[in-house]
């Protein structure tokens, strides 16, 4: 197992759990906060990541998501991404079709 292979094998839930309160002193204050600019409150970041994880799981399990605040989910994703890499966040915002799909009237979406 290579280090990059190990990282790739870890679940999204594992990465989100690193930002839980129980790791505040051991991980967040020591190192993890440095990955984000500006540094958000750990609890707020964990809340955002947990909501994105729940969305990811619903999508992966083919569960309904249309009653969620998908615009809010998308903005949260871009916000977290911007704290990690503004360039990548801008790239995603520019190339993503999420806003286009979210503004498509529901009857057209249901045709898929």
Protein backbone atom coordinates (compact mmCIF):
# COMPACT_ATOMS: atom_id res chain seq x y z
CA UNK A 1 0.00 0.00 0.00
CA UNK A 2 1.36 3.40 -0.98
CA UNK A 3 0.60 6.60 0.97
CA UNK A 4 -1.51 7.94 -1.91
CA UNK A 5 -3.31 4.60 -2.16
CA UNK A 6 -4.09 4.70 1.54
CA UNK A 7 -5.48 8.22 1.23
CA UNK A 8 -7.62 7.20 -1.75
CA UNK A 9 -9.03 4.18 0.10
CA UNK A 10 -10.33 6.19 3.05
CA UNK A 11 -14.05 6.98 2.97
CA UNK A 12 -15.51 10.47 2.84
CA UNK A 13 -16.96 9.73 6.28
CA UNK A 14 -13.44 9.14 7.61
CA UNK A 15 -12.26 12.55 6.37
CA UNK A 16 -15.33 14.32 7.75
CA UNK A 17 -14.83 12.63 11.13
CA UNK A 18 -11.36 14.19 11.40
CA UNK A 19 -13.10 17.53 11.96
CA UNK A 20 -15.31 16.28 14.81
CA UNK A 21 -15.06 17.90 18.23
CA UNK A 22 -13.17 14.93 19.69
CA UNK A 23 -10.18 15.75 17.43
CA UNK A 24 -10.15 19.48 18.16
CA UNK A 25 -6.98 19.45 20.28
CA UNK A 26 -5.12 16.56 18.63
CA UNK A 27 -5.68 17.42 14.96
CA UNK A 28 -7.52 20.69 14.30
CA UNK A 29 -5.50 23.03 16.52
CA UNK A 30 -2.21 21.29 15.76
CA UNK A 31 -2.38 21.00 11.98
CA UNK A 32 -5.69 20.68 10.11
CA UNK A 33 -6.67 24.34 10.48
CA UNK A 34 -3.68 25.25 8.28
CA UNK A 35 -5.28 23.61 5.23
CA UNK A 36 -8.02 26.26 5.11
CA UNK A 37 -7.75 29.94 4.20
CA UNK A 38 -9.44 31.71 5.81
CA UNK A 39 -9.53 29.32 8.75
CA UNK A 40 -13.18 28.63 9.60
CA UNK A 41 -14.45 27.60 13.02
CA UNK A 42 -13.91 23.84 13.24
CA UNK A 43 -17.49 23.21 14.32
CA UNK A 44 -18.93 25.11 11.35
CA UNK A 45 -16.64 23.32 8.91
CA UNK A 46 -17.59 19.96 10.42
CA UNK A 47 -21.29 20.84 10.09
CA UNK A 48 -20.83 21.76 6.41
CA UNK A 49 -18.82 18.64 5.67
CA UNK A 50 -21.35 16.45 7.46
CA UNK A 51 -24.19 17.93 5.37
CA UNK A 52 -22.18 17.34 2.18
CA UNK A 53 -21.44 13.77 3.28
CA UNK A 54 -25.13 13.15 3.87
CA UNK A 55 -25.93 14.54 0.40
CA UNK A 56 -23.21 12.41 -1.17
CA UNK A 57 -24.60 9.31 0.52
CA UNK A 58 -28.15 10.04 -0.60
CA UNK A 59 -26.96 10.46 -4.20
CA UNK A 60 -24.77 7.35 -4.05
CA UNK A 61 -27.68 5.28 -2.73
CA UNK A 62 -30.14 6.70 -5.31
CA UNK A 63 -32.27 8.29 -2.61
CA UNK A 64 -34.45 11.35 -3.28
CA UNK A 65 -32.76 14.73 -2.93
CA UNK A 66 -35.22 17.12 -4.60
CA UNK A 67 -36.65 18.31 -1.26
CA UNK A 68 -33.20 19.39 -0.05
CA UNK A 69 -31.90 22.93 -0.39
CA UNK A 70 -29.68 21.93 -3.32
CA UNK A 71 -28.66 25.53 -4.01
CA UNK A 72 -27.48 25.77 -0.41
CA UNK A 73 -25.70 22.43 -0.69
CA UNK A 74 -23.92 23.57 -3.85
CA UNK A 75 -22.90 26.90 -2.32
CA UNK A 76 -21.63 25.09 0.78
CA UNK A 77 -19.56 22.79 -1.41
CA UNK A 78 -18.06 25.76 -3.26
CA UNK A 79 -17.38 27.56 0.03
CA UNK A 80 -15.49 24.62 1.54
CA UNK A 81 -13.64 24.10 -1.72
CA UNK A 82 -12.68 27.80 -1.86
CA UNK A 83 -11.11 27.54 1.61
CA UNK A 84 -8.94 24.69 0.31
CA UNK A 85 -8.25 26.06 -3.17
CA UNK A 86 -9.82 29.23 -4.56
CA UNK A 87 -8.58 28.29 -8.04
CA UNK A 88 -10.30 24.90 -7.99
CA UNK A 89 -13.47 26.43 -6.57
CA UNK A 90 -13.53 29.00 -9.38
CA UNK A 91 -12.90 26.26 -11.95
CA UNK A 92 -15.79 24.18 -10.61
CA UNK A 93 -18.09 27.22 -10.53
CA UNK A 94 -17.20 28.04 -14.15
CA UNK A 95 -17.50 24.49 -15.57
CA UNK A 96 -20.24 23.00 -13.43
CA UNK A 97 -23.76 22.56 -14.80
CA UNK A 98 -25.31 22.33 -11.34
CA UNK A 99 -26.85 25.83 -11.43
CA UNK A 100 -28.26 25.15 -14.89
CA UNK A 101 -29.85 21.90 -13.73
CA UNK A 102 -31.21 23.46 -10.53
CA UNK A 103 -32.93 26.23 -12.49
CA UNK A 104 -34.51 23.75 -14.92
CA UNK A 105 -38.23 23.39 -14.19
CA UNK A 106 -39.03 20.19 -12.28
CA UNK A 107 -41.18 18.56 -15.02
CA UNK A 108 -38.17 18.58 -17.38
CA UNK A 109 -35.93 17.08 -14.74
CA UNK A 110 -38.43 14.27 -14.18
CA UNK A 111 -38.14 13.27 -17.85
CA UNK A 112 -34.63 11.90 -17.30
